[in-house]
Amino acid sequence: MLVLLAINLGIGFLPGFNIAWQAHVGGLIGGVLVGLIFVETRQVQRRRWQLPLLVALCVVFVALSLIHFFV
């Protein structure tokens, strides 16, 4: 898994591939945050927070995308 992660991150920095490295780094950060949400809300008492936290994360990512698009 770490090899695949390194390949996906590294391929964005190679010249001539025309792949946005920002997308790979953003996907890595987003995946880590989603994984952290699932790990921290694993207990039955905290499971009610999973959906609101995931929705909030999506709203933040959409807002960041819109800010980048309009600025």
PDB file of N, CA and C in Angstrom:
ATOM      1  N   MET A   1       0.815  -1.182   0.000  1.00  0.00           N
ATOM      2  CA  MET A   1       0.000   0.000   0.000  1.00  0.00           C
ATOM      3  C   MET A   1       0.869   1.260   0.000  1.00  0.00           C
ATOM      4  N   LEU A   2       1.932   1.228   0.766  1.00  0.00           N
ATOM      5  CA  LEU A   2       2.820   2.386   0.802  1.00  0.00           C
ATOM      6  C   LEU A   2       3.520   2.597  -0.537  1.00  0.00           C
ATOM      7  N   VAL A   3       3.819   1.508  -1.236  1.00  0.00           N
ATOM      8  CA  VAL A   3       4.442   1.637  -2.553  1.00  0.00           C
ATOM      9  C   VAL A   3       3.469   2.312  -3.519  1.00  0.00           C
ATOM     10  N   LEU A   4       2.218   1.886  -3.508  1.00  0.00           N
ATOM     11  CA  LEU A   4       1.206   2.497  -4.367  1.00  0.00           C
ATOM     12  C   LEU A   4       1.005   3.968  -4.010  1.00  0.00           C
ATOM     13  N   LEU A   5       1.011   4.272  -2.738  1.00  0.00           N
ATOM     14  CA  LEU A   5       0.901   5.660  -2.287  1.00  0.00           C
ATOM     15  C   LEU A   5       2.070   6.499  -2.796  1.00  0.00           C
ATOM     16  N   ALA A   6       3.264   5.964  -2.706  1.00  0.00           N
ATOM     17  CA  ALA A   6       4.454   6.683  -3.181  1.00  0.00           C
ATOM     18  C   ALA A   6       4.412   6.884  -4.698  1.00  0.00           C
ATOM     19  N   ILE A   7       3.960   5.869  -5.423  1.00  0.00           N
ATOM     20  CA  ILE A   7       3.857   6.000  -6.885  1.00  0.00           C
ATOM     21  C   ILE A   7       2.849   7.080  -7.241  1.00  0.00           C
ATOM     22  N   ASN A   8       1.691   7.066  -6.612  1.00  0.00           N
ATOM     23  CA  ASN A   8       0.660   8.057  -6.922  1.00  0.00           C
ATOM     24  C   ASN A   8       1.097   9.471  -6.563  1.00  0.00           C
ATOM     25  N   LEU A   9       1.811   9.616  -5.481  1.00  0.00           N
ATOM     26  CA  LEU A   9       2.302  10.944  -5.121  1.00  0.00           C
ATOM     27  C   LEU A   9       3.435  11.376  -6.048  1.00  0.00           C
ATOM     28  N   GLY A  10       4.327  10.461  -6.350  1.00  0.00           N
ATOM     29  CA  GLY A  10       5.485  10.798  -7.162  1.00  0.00           C
ATOM     30  C   GLY A  10       5.156  11.079  -8.613  1.00  0.00           C
ATOM     31  N   ILE A  11       4.156  10.413  -9.160  1.00  0.00           N
ATOM     32  CA  ILE A  11       3.835  10.570 -10.579  1.00  0.00           C
ATOM     33  C   ILE A  11       3.361  11.981 -10.896  1.00  0.00           C
ATOM     34  N   GLY A  12       2.783  12.651  -9.935  1.00  0.00           N
ATOM     35  CA  GLY A  12       2.333  14.016 -10.160  1.00  0.00           C
ATOM     36  C   GLY A  12       3.469  15.010 -10.294  1.00  0.00           C
ATOM     37  N   PHE A  13       4.627  14.654  -9.788  1.00  0.00           N
ATOM     38  CA  PHE A  13       5.769  15.563  -9.844  1.00  0.00           C
ATOM     39  C   PHE A  13       6.680  15.300 -11.043  1.00  0.00           C
ATOM     40  N   LEU A  14       6.418  14.241 -11.788  1.00  0.00           N
ATOM     41  CA  LEU A  14       7.244  13.937 -12.957  1.00  0.00           C
ATOM     42  C   LEU A  14       6.838  14.817 -14.126  1.00  0.00           C
ATOM     43  N   PRO A  15       7.812  15.401 -14.825  1.00  0.00           N
ATOM     44  CA  PRO A  15       7.467  16.255 -15.968  1.00  0.00           C
ATOM     45  C   PRO A  15       6.959  15.416 -17.142  1.00  0.00           C
ATOM     46  N   GLY A  16       6.019  15.983 -17.880  1.00  0.00           N
ATOM     47  CA  GLY A  16       5.498  15.329 -19.064  1.00  0.00           C
ATOM     48  C   GLY A  16       4.258  14.501 -18.851  1.00  0.00           C
ATOM     49  N   PHE A  17       3.852  14.261 -17.620  1.00  0.00           N
ATOM     50  CA  PHE A  17       2.669  13.445 -17.364  1.00  0.00           C
ATOM     51  C   PHE A  17       1.389  14.273 -17.337  1.00  0.00           C
ATOM     52  N   ASN A  18       1.517  15.576 -17.122  1.00  0.00           N
ATOM     53  CA  ASN A  18       0.368  16.487 -17.068  1.00  0.00           C
ATOM     54  C   ASN A  18      -0.692  16.045 -16.067  1.00  0.00           C
ATOM     55  N   ILE A  19      -0.251  15.588 -14.927  1.00  0.00           N
ATOM     56  CA  ILE A  19      -1.148  15.197 -13.836  1.00  0.00           C
ATOM     57  C   ILE A  19      -0.924  16.180 -12.699  1.00  0.00           C
ATOM     58  N   ALA A  20      -2.000  16.703 -12.156  1.00  0.00           N
ATOM     59  CA  ALA A  20      -1.888  17.706 -11.095  1.00  0.00           C
ATOM     60  C   ALA A  20      -1.436  17.047  -9.793  1.00  0.00           C
ATOM     61  N   TRP A  21      -0.290  17.469  -9.304  1.00  0.00           N
ATOM     62  CA  TRP A  21       0.183  16.942  -8.028  1.00  0.00           C
ATOM     63  C   TRP A  21      -0.716  17.405  -6.891  1.00  0.00           C
ATOM     64  N   GLN A  22      -1.367  18.571  -7.066  1.00  0.00           N
ATOM     65  CA  GLN A  22      -2.251  19.089  -6.034  1.00  0.00           C
ATOM     66  C   GLN A  22      -3.429  18.141  -5.787  1.00  0.00           C
ATOM     67  N   ALA A  23      -3.912  17.515  -6.850  1.00  0.00           N
ATOM     68  CA  ALA A  23      -5.023  16.571  -6.707  1.00  0.00           C
ATOM     69  C   ALA A  23      -4.598  15.348  -5.902  1.00  0.00           C
ATOM     70  N   HIS A  24      -3.390  14.865  -6.131  1.00  0.00           N
ATOM     71  CA  HIS A  24      -2.929  13.706  -5.387  1.00  0.00           C
ATOM     72  C   HIS A  24      -2.691  14.042  -3.912  1.00  0.00           C
ATOM     73  N   VAL A  25      -2.120  15.195  -3.660  1.00  0.00           N
ATOM     74  CA  VAL A  25      -1.899  15.602  -2.267  1.00  0.00           C
ATOM     75  C   VAL A  25      -3.248  15.855  -1.576  1.00  0.00           C
ATOM     76  N   GLY A  26      -4.182  16.489  -2.277  1.00  0.00           N
ATOM     77  CA  GLY A  26      -5.512  16.710  -1.711  1.00  0.00           C
ATOM     78  C   GLY A  26      -6.236  15.409  -1.426  1.00  0.00           C
ATOM     79  N   GLY A  27      -6.103  14.439  -2.327  1.00  0.00           N
ATOM     80  CA  GLY A  27      -6.705  13.126  -2.090  1.00  0.00           C
ATOM     81  C   GLY A  27      -6.093  12.417  -0.906  1.00  0.00           C
ATOM     82  N   LEU A  28      -4.793  12.574  -0.748  1.00  0.00           N
ATOM     83  CA  LEU A  28      -4.114  11.982   0.404  1.00  0.00           C
ATOM     84  C   LEU A  28      -4.604  12.610   1.704  1.00  0.00           C
ATOM     85  N   ILE A  29      -4.679  13.925   1.730  1.00  0.00           N
ATOM     86  CA  ILE A  29      -5.145  14.621   2.933  1.00  0.00           C
ATOM     87  C   ILE A  29      -6.601  14.270   3.224  1.00  0.00           C
ATOM     88  N   GLY A  30      -7.430  14.269   2.183  1.00  0.00           N
ATOM     89  CA  GLY A  30      -8.843  13.914   2.366  1.00  0.00           C
ATOM     90  C   GLY A  30      -9.007  12.490   2.871  1.00  0.00           C
ATOM     91  N   GLY A  31      -8.242  11.568   2.321  1.00  0.00           N
ATOM     92  CA  GLY A  31      -8.318  10.180   2.766  1.00  0.00           C
ATOM     93  C   GLY A  31      -7.882  10.000   4.205  1.00  0.00           C
ATOM     94  N   VAL A  32      -6.824  10.720   4.581  1.00  0.00           N
ATOM     95  CA  VAL A  32      -6.358  10.652   5.971  1.00  0.00           C
ATOM     96  C   VAL A  32      -7.426  11.204   6.916  1.00  0.00           C
ATOM     97  N   LEU A  33      -8.056  12.313   6.526  1.00  0.00           N
ATOM     98  CA  LEU A  33      -9.090  12.899   7.390  1.00  0.00           C
ATOM     99  C   LEU A  33     -10.322  12.002   7.505  1.00  0.00           C
ATOM    100  N   VAL A  34     -10.745  11.396   6.410  1.00  0.00           N
ATOM    101  CA  VAL A  34     -11.889  10.468   6.460  1.00  0.00           C
ATOM    102  C   VAL A  34     -11.535   9.257   7.321  1.00  0.00           C
ATOM    103  N   GLY A  35     -10.330   8.725   7.142  1.00  0.00           N
ATOM    104  CA  GLY A  35      -9.903   7.604   7.966  1.00  0.00           C
ATOM    105  C   GLY A  35      -9.849   7.968   9.440  1.00  0.00           C
ATOM    106  N   LEU A  36      -9.379   9.179   9.738  1.00  0.00           N
ATOM    107  CA  LEU A  36      -9.327   9.638  11.121  1.00  0.00           C
ATOM    108  C   LEU A  36     -10.731   9.766  11.713  1.00  0.00           C
ATOM    109  N   ILE A  37     -11.667  10.258  10.916  1.00  0.00           N
ATOM    110  CA  ILE A  37     -13.048  10.364  11.389  1.00  0.00           C
ATOM    111  C   ILE A  37     -13.599   8.979  11.715  1.00  0.00           C
ATOM    112  N   PHE A  38     -13.369   8.009  10.832  1.00  0.00           N
ATOM    113  CA  PHE A  38     -13.882   6.661  11.089  1.00  0.00           C
ATOM    114  C   PHE A  38     -13.211   6.006  12.296  1.00  0.00           C
ATOM    115  N   VAL A  39     -11.921   6.221  12.473  1.00  0.00           N
ATOM    116  CA  VAL A  39     -11.219   5.628  13.609  1.00  0.00           C
ATOM    117  C   VAL A  39     -11.686   6.257  14.919  1.00  0.00           C
ATOM    118  N   GLU A  40     -11.825   7.574  14.932  1.00  0.00           N
ATOM    119  CA  GLU A  40     -12.187   8.259  16.177  1.00  0.00           C
ATOM    120  C   GLU A  40     -13.660   8.081  16.552  1.00  0.00           C
ATOM    121  N   THR A  41     -14.500   7.706  15.595  1.00  0.00           N
ATOM    122  CA  THR A  41     -15.926   7.529  15.900  1.00  0.00           C
ATOM    123  C   THR A  41     -16.317   6.055  15.814  1.00  0.00           C
ATOM    124  N   ARG A  42     -15.386   5.173  16.080  1.00  0.00           N
ATOM    125  CA  ARG A  42     -15.636   3.742  15.996  1.00  0.00           C
ATOM    126  C   ARG A  42     -16.525   3.244  17.139  1.00  0.00           C
ATOM    127  N   GLN A  43     -16.408   3.846  18.298  1.00  0.00           N
ATOM    128  CA  GLN A  43     -17.194   3.403  19.446  1.00  0.00           C
ATOM    129  C   GLN A  43     -18.675   3.695  19.212  1.00  0.00           C
ATOM    130  N   VAL A  44     -19.526   2.870  19.794  1.00  0.00           N
ATOM    131  CA  VAL A  44     -20.967   2.990  19.581  1.00  0.00           C
ATOM    132  C   VAL A  44     -21.482   4.358  20.024  1.00  0.00           C
ATOM    133  N   GLN A  45     -20.944   4.898  21.114  1.00  0.00           N
ATOM    134  CA  GLN A  45     -21.400   6.190  21.614  1.00  0.00           C
ATOM    135  C   GLN A  45     -21.047   7.329  20.667  1.00  0.00           C
ATOM    136  N   ARG A  46     -20.008   7.167  19.888  1.00  0.00           N
ATOM    137  CA  ARG A  46     -19.540   8.245  19.008  1.00  0.00           C
ATOM    138  C   ARG A  46     -19.988   8.085  17.554  1.00  0.00           C
ATOM    139  N   ARG A  47     -20.643   6.979  17.231  1.00  0.00           N
ATOM    140  CA  ARG A  47     -21.008   6.738  15.828  1.00  0.00           C
ATOM    141  C   ARG A  47     -21.982   7.766  15.292  1.00  0.00           C
ATOM    142  N   ARG A  48     -22.733   8.399  16.145  1.00  0.00           N
ATOM    143  CA  ARG A  48     -23.683   9.414  15.674  1.00  0.00           C
ATOM    144  C   ARG A  48     -22.961  10.633  15.099  1.00  0.00           C
ATOM    145  N   TRP A  49     -21.660  10.751  15.348  1.00  0.00           N
ATOM    146  CA  TRP A  49     -20.887  11.886  14.837  1.00  0.00           C
ATOM    147  C   TRP A  49     -20.288  11.624  13.458  1.00  0.00           C
ATOM    148  N   GLN A  50     -20.313  10.366  12.995  1.00  0.00           N
ATOM    149  CA  GLN A  50     -19.674  10.045  11.723  1.00  0.00           C
ATOM    150  C   GLN A  50     -20.267  10.836  10.557  1.00  0.00           C
ATOM    151  N   LEU A  51     -21.558  10.740  10.377  1.00  0.00           N
ATOM    152  CA  LEU A  51     -22.183  11.404   9.236  1.00  0.00           C
ATOM    153  C   LEU A  51     -22.043  12.923   9.301  1.00  0.00           C
ATOM    154  N   PRO A  52     -22.325  13.574  10.442  1.00  0.00           N
ATOM    155  CA  PRO A  52     -22.134  15.030  10.464  1.00  0.00           C
ATOM    156  C   PRO A  52     -20.691  15.469  10.196  1.00  0.00           C
ATOM    157  N   LEU A  53     -19.723  14.731  10.710  1.00  0.00           N
ATOM    158  CA  LEU A  53     -18.325  15.092  10.468  1.00  0.00           C
ATOM    159  C   LEU A  53     -17.935  14.889   9.005  1.00  0.00           C
ATOM    160  N   LEU A  54     -18.413  13.818   8.394  1.00  0.00           N
ATOM    161  CA  LEU A  54     -18.115  13.584   6.979  1.00  0.00           C
ATOM    162  C   LEU A  54     -18.773  14.634   6.098  1.00  0.00           C
ATOM    163  N   VAL A  55     -20.000  15.019   6.421  1.00  0.00           N
ATOM    164  CA  VAL A  55     -20.681  16.074   5.661  1.00  0.00           C
ATOM    165  C   VAL A  55     -19.941  17.397   5.832  1.00  0.00           C
ATOM    166  N   ALA A  56     -19.515  17.700   7.047  1.00  0.00           N
ATOM    167  CA  ALA A  56     -18.770  18.938   7.289  1.00  0.00           C
ATOM    168  C   ALA A  56     -17.452  18.945   6.510  1.00  0.00           C
ATOM    169  N   LEU A  57     -16.774  17.810   6.456  1.00  0.00           N
ATOM    170  CA  LEU A  57     -15.535  17.717   5.692  1.00  0.00           C
ATOM    171  C   LEU A  57     -15.796  17.955   4.206  1.00  0.00           C
ATOM    172  N   CYS A  58     -16.875  17.383   3.693  1.00  0.00           N
ATOM    173  CA  CYS A  58     -17.230  17.598   2.285  1.00  0.00           C
ATOM    174  C   CYS A  58     -17.550  19.069   2.020  1.00  0.00           C
ATOM    175  N   VAL A  59     -18.247  19.702   2.928  1.00  0.00           N
ATOM    176  CA  VAL A  59     -18.570  21.123   2.767  1.00  0.00           C
ATOM    177  C   VAL A  59     -17.291  21.954   2.745  1.00  0.00           C
ATOM    178  N   VAL A  60     -16.349  21.623   3.616  1.00  0.00           N
ATOM    179  CA  VAL A  60     -15.075  22.347   3.641  1.00  0.00           C
ATOM    180  C   VAL A  60     -14.325  22.161   2.322  1.00  0.00           C
ATOM    181  N   PHE A  61     -14.298  20.935   1.805  1.00  0.00           N
ATOM    182  CA  PHE A  61     -13.595  20.687   0.546  1.00  0.00           C
ATOM    183  C   PHE A  61     -14.266  21.394  -0.628  1.00  0.00           C
ATOM    184  N   VAL A  62     -15.587  21.404  -0.656  1.00  0.00           N
ATOM    185  CA  VAL A  62     -16.295  22.120  -1.730  1.00  0.00           C
ATOM    186  C   VAL A  62     -16.028  23.616  -1.617  1.00  0.00           C
ATOM    187  N   ALA A  63     -16.049  24.153  -0.395  1.00  0.00           N
ATOM    188  CA  ALA A  63     -15.784  25.581  -0.201  1.00  0.00           C
ATOM    189  C   ALA A  63     -14.356  25.928  -0.644  1.00  0.00           C
ATOM    190  N   LEU A  64     -13.400  25.085  -0.308  1.00  0.00           N
ATOM    191  CA  LEU A  64     -12.022  25.330  -0.742  1.00  0.00           C
ATOM    192  C   LEU A  64     -11.907  25.278  -2.263  1.00  0.00           C
ATOM    193  N   SER A  65     -12.619  24.366  -2.875  1.00  0.00           N
ATOM    194  CA  SER A  65     -12.606  24.274  -4.343  1.00  0.00           C
ATOM    195  C   SER A  65     -13.209  25.512  -4.970  1.00  0.00           C
ATOM    196  N   LEU A  66     -14.308  25.990  -4.412  1.00  0.00           N
ATOM    197  CA  LEU A  66     -14.958  27.180  -4.955  1.00  0.00           C
ATOM    198  C   LEU A  66     -14.104  28.427  -4.761  1.00  0.00           C
ATOM    199  N   ILE A  67     -13.431  28.514  -3.622  1.00  0.00           N
ATOM    200  CA  ILE A  67     -12.544  29.655  -3.393  1.00  0.00           C
ATOM    201  C   ILE A  67     -11.415  29.634  -4.422  1.00  0.00           C
ATOM    202  N   HIS A  68     -10.860  28.455  -4.660  1.00  0.00           N
ATOM    203  CA  HIS A  68      -9.787  28.351  -5.656  1.00  0.00           C
ATOM    204  C   HIS A  68     -10.297  28.650  -7.065  1.00  0.00           C
ATOM    205  N   PHE A  69     -11.525  28.286  -7.345  1.00  0.00           N
ATOM    206  CA  PHE A  69     -12.101  28.490  -8.673  1.00  0.00           C
ATOM    207  C   PHE A  69     -12.377  29.958  -8.940  1.00  0.00           C
ATOM    208  N   PHE A  70     -12.880  30.683  -7.955  1.00  0.00           N
ATOM    209  CA  PHE A  70     -13.276  32.074  -8.150  1.00  0.00           C
ATOM    210  C   PHE A  70     -12.164  33.074  -7.889  1.00  0.00           C
ATOM    211  N   VAL A  71     -11.086  32.670  -7.253  1.00  0.00           N
ATOM    212  CA  VAL A  71     -10.008  33.620  -6.962  1.00  0.00           C
ATOM    213  C   VAL A  71      -8.900  33.486  -7.968  1.00  0.00           C
TER     214      VAL A  71
END
